Amino acid sequence: MEDRSRRSNVRLVDLGEHEEGEDAIGFLRKNLPKWIPLLAGRDTCIERAQRMYSVSDKNSSCPRTIIFKLLDRQDILRGVRDVFPVKHRQQTLLFFPHYSLDTAKKRMGFSKVQKNIGLQTFLLYPAQLKLTHKENRLIFKSSQEAEEFLQSKIGMGRNVVQRGADTELMDIAKL
């Protein structure tokens, strides 16, 4: 339920402190099309934008994250993937969907598996790992399940593949 109120929010990480000046919305409207060519020539409707945390909460050498709410979050996230890395004054900017702390922790549980797996992976909402390889789609609901998959790929050579409600046995050797 907490994530529902955040579904249109994007987190912008590593933008230097005070870069946006007094008008964060204006700054983002001006710069998003420069950073993300997919947005060029489009009016980006940003409802609000602000820095997270107070200045005293964070070390001043590490800029605070900007959260902004907009109507076309998916276009921005897709555009960022297409042009990564996004740079502003030699600083690489990172864009993420904004989730609740609980969901973010669940999703972070997959980071080790994603690094070790060596194949293209995607995180599905709220916290599921999707792996696509040779038209086979595997979905893991926990990091433990994904780690067991890695072990079975090395060991037994078989694992359960989930496609929506369907479940089938797949030969891992095809991977």
Protein backbone atom coordinates (compact mmCIF):
# COMPACT_ATOMS: atom_id res chain seq x y z
CA MET A 1 0.00 0.00 0.00
CA GLU A 2 2.86 2.36 0.82
CA ASP A 3 4.35 1.82 -2.64
CA ARG A 4 1.09 2.83 -4.30
CA SER A 5 1.60 6.46 -3.29
CA ARG A 6 5.15 6.34 -4.71
CA ARG A 7 4.32 4.76 -8.08
CA SER A 8 4.92 7.99 -10.02
CA ASN A 9 8.09 8.98 -8.16
CA VAL A 10 11.65 8.80 -9.47
CA ARG A 11 14.80 9.02 -7.32
CA LEU A 12 17.66 11.04 -8.83
CA VAL A 13 20.95 10.17 -7.12
CA ASP A 14 24.33 11.97 -7.26
CA LEU A 15 23.19 15.36 -8.55
CA GLY A 16 25.44 17.86 -6.76
CA GLU A 17 23.97 19.71 -3.81
CA HIS A 18 22.29 23.02 -4.83
CA GLU A 19 22.68 22.28 -8.59
CA GLU A 20 18.94 22.74 -9.00
CA GLY A 21 18.95 26.16 -7.33
CA GLU A 22 15.65 27.44 -5.93
CA ASP A 23 13.50 25.81 -8.64
CA ALA A 24 13.97 22.02 -8.72
CA ILE A 25 10.99 21.50 -11.05
CA GLY A 26 12.27 24.08 -13.55
CA PHE A 27 15.77 22.60 -13.38
CA LEU A 28 14.45 19.10 -14.11
CA ARG A 29 12.15 20.30 -16.93
CA LYS A 30 15.12 22.03 -18.56
CA ASN A 31 17.66 19.22 -18.09
CA LEU A 32 15.71 15.97 -18.44
CA PRO A 33 15.43 16.38 -22.26
CA LYS A 34 19.19 17.11 -22.41
CA TRP A 35 20.02 14.01 -20.38
CA ILE A 36 17.38 11.76 -21.96
CA PRO A 37 16.89 12.33 -25.71
CA LEU A 38 13.67 10.28 -25.65
CA LEU A 39 12.08 13.24 -23.81
CA ALA A 40 13.26 15.92 -26.27
CA GLY A 41 10.40 17.97 -27.67
CA ARG A 42 7.96 16.67 -25.05
CA ASP A 43 6.48 18.58 -22.16
CA THR A 44 7.46 16.68 -19.03
CA CYS A 45 4.78 17.19 -16.40
CA ILE A 46 6.53 17.21 -13.01
CA GLU A 47 4.12 17.61 -10.10
CA ARG A 48 6.74 18.20 -7.40
CA ALA A 49 10.44 17.77 -6.68
CA GLN A 50 12.49 18.01 -3.50
CA ARG A 51 15.67 16.78 -1.84
CA MET A 52 15.32 13.94 0.65
CA TYR A 53 16.54 14.32 4.22
CA SER A 54 17.54 17.54 5.89
CA VAL A 55 20.98 19.06 5.35
CA SER A 56 22.04 18.12 8.89
CA ASP A 57 21.09 14.44 8.34
CA LYS A 58 23.68 13.78 5.67
CA ASN A 59 27.38 14.37 5.22
CA SER A 60 27.75 17.46 2.99
CA SER A 61 30.27 15.65 0.76
CA CYS A 62 27.50 13.28 -0.37
CA PRO A 63 24.63 15.04 -2.18
CA ARG A 64 21.10 14.31 -1.02
CA THR A 65 18.79 12.36 -3.33
CA ILE A 66 16.12 14.28 -5.26
CA ILE A 67 12.66 12.72 -5.43
CA PHE A 68 10.34 13.96 -8.14
CA LYS A 69 6.77 13.00 -9.00
CA LEU A 70 5.71 12.96 -12.62
CA LEU A 71 3.21 11.38 -14.97
CA ASP A 72 5.61 9.58 -17.32
CA ARG A 73 7.94 7.76 -14.93
CA GLN A 74 8.33 4.72 -17.19
CA ASP A 75 9.45 6.86 -20.14
CA ILE A 76 12.16 8.45 -18.01
CA LEU A 77 13.41 5.12 -16.63
CA ARG A 78 13.36 3.55 -20.12
CA GLY A 79 15.15 6.57 -21.60
CA VAL A 80 17.85 6.44 -18.93
CA ARG A 81 18.52 2.77 -19.69
CA ASP A 82 18.90 3.64 -23.38
CA VAL A 83 21.51 6.39 -22.84
CA PHE A 84 23.30 5.23 -19.68
CA PRO A 85 25.48 6.75 -18.31
CA VAL A 86 23.67 10.06 -17.85
CA LYS A 87 26.20 12.82 -17.05
CA HIS A 88 25.80 16.29 -15.56
CA ARG A 89 29.03 18.30 -15.20
CA GLN A 90 31.17 15.14 -15.32
CA GLN A 91 29.04 13.49 -12.59
CA THR A 92 27.16 10.28 -13.45
CA LEU A 93 23.51 10.57 -12.44
CA LEU A 94 21.48 7.55 -11.39
CA PHE A 95 17.69 7.26 -11.75
CA PHE A 96 15.60 4.72 -9.83
CA PRO A 97 11.94 4.05 -9.13
CA HIS A 98 11.03 5.20 -5.61
CA TYR A 99 9.87 2.34 -3.38
CA SER A 100 9.09 1.96 0.31
CA LEU A 101 11.94 0.91 2.60
CA ASP A 102 10.50 -2.61 2.93
CA THR A 103 10.27 -3.12 -0.85
CA ALA A 104 13.71 -1.57 -1.41
CA LYS A 105 15.26 -4.02 1.10
CA LYS A 106 13.61 -6.99 -0.62
CA ARG A 107 14.86 -5.82 -4.00
CA MET A 108 18.39 -5.25 -2.66
CA GLY A 109 18.43 -8.91 -1.62
CA PHE A 110 18.78 -9.79 -5.31
CA SER A 111 21.84 -7.60 -5.96
CA LYS A 112 24.38 -10.32 -5.10
CA VAL A 113 22.61 -12.83 -7.35
CA GLN A 114 22.40 -10.32 -10.20
CA LYS A 115 26.15 -9.73 -10.05
CA ASN A 116 26.99 -13.44 -9.91
CA ILE A 117 24.58 -14.70 -12.55
CA GLY A 118 26.37 -13.25 -15.57
CA LEU A 119 23.18 -12.98 -17.64
CA GLN A 120 20.79 -10.10 -18.26
CA THR A 121 18.38 -9.77 -15.34
CA PHE A 122 15.43 -7.52 -14.49
CA LEU A 123 13.73 -6.74 -11.22
CA LEU A 124 9.94 -6.97 -11.35
CA TYR A 125 7.65 -5.27 -8.89
CA PRO A 126 7.61 -5.64 -5.98
CA ALA A 127 10.66 -7.86 -5.53
CA GLN A 128 11.05 -10.61 -8.10
CA LEU A 129 14.04 -11.38 -10.27
CA LYS A 130 13.37 -12.11 -13.94
CA LEU A 131 16.04 -13.78 -16.01
CA THR A 132 15.68 -14.11 -19.78
CA HIS A 133 18.00 -16.34 -21.73
CA LYS A 134 17.40 -17.94 -25.15
CA GLU A 135 13.69 -17.10 -24.95
CA ASN A 136 13.33 -18.84 -21.57
CA ARG A 137 11.90 -16.64 -18.86
CA LEU A 138 12.68 -17.51 -15.25
CA ILE A 139 11.12 -15.65 -12.35
CA PHE A 140 12.44 -15.96 -8.80
CA LYS A 141 10.40 -14.72 -5.86
CA SER A 142 13.30 -14.66 -3.40
CA SER A 143 17.05 -14.23 -3.50
CA GLN A 144 17.38 -17.65 -1.88
CA GLU A 145 15.44 -19.23 -4.76
CA ALA A 146 17.70 -17.47 -7.26
CA GLU A 147 20.84 -18.59 -5.41
CA GLU A 148 19.53 -22.17 -5.40
CA PHE A 149 19.09 -21.83 -9.16
CA LEU A 150 22.73 -20.86 -9.50
CA GLN A 151 23.76 -23.86 -7.42
CA SER A 152 21.55 -26.22 -9.43
CA LYS A 153 22.94 -24.79 -12.68
CA ILE A 154 26.40 -25.78 -11.51
CA GLY A 155 25.28 -28.94 -9.70
CA MET A 156 22.16 -30.93 -10.60
CA GLY A 157 21.49 -29.35 -14.00
CA ARG A 158 17.71 -29.01 -13.50
CA ASN A 159 15.47 -26.38 -11.97
CA VAL A 160 11.87 -25.21 -11.89
CA VAL A 161 10.97 -22.44 -14.31
CA GLN A 162 7.93 -20.31 -13.54
CA ARG A 163 5.95 -18.58 -16.27
CA GLY A 164 3.06 -16.75 -14.66
CA ALA A 165 0.87 -19.45 -13.12
CA ASP A 166 2.54 -22.25 -15.12
CA THR A 167 5.44 -24.22 -13.68
CA GLU A 168 7.62 -26.60 -15.65
CA LEU A 169 10.91 -28.44 -15.33
CA MET A 170 13.70 -27.13 -17.52
CA ASP A 171 17.09 -28.50 -18.44
CA ILE A 172 19.63 -25.96 -17.15
CA ALA A 173 22.25 -27.31 -19.54
CA LYS A 174 20.45 -25.33 -22.28
CA LEU A 175 21.51 -22.15 -20.51
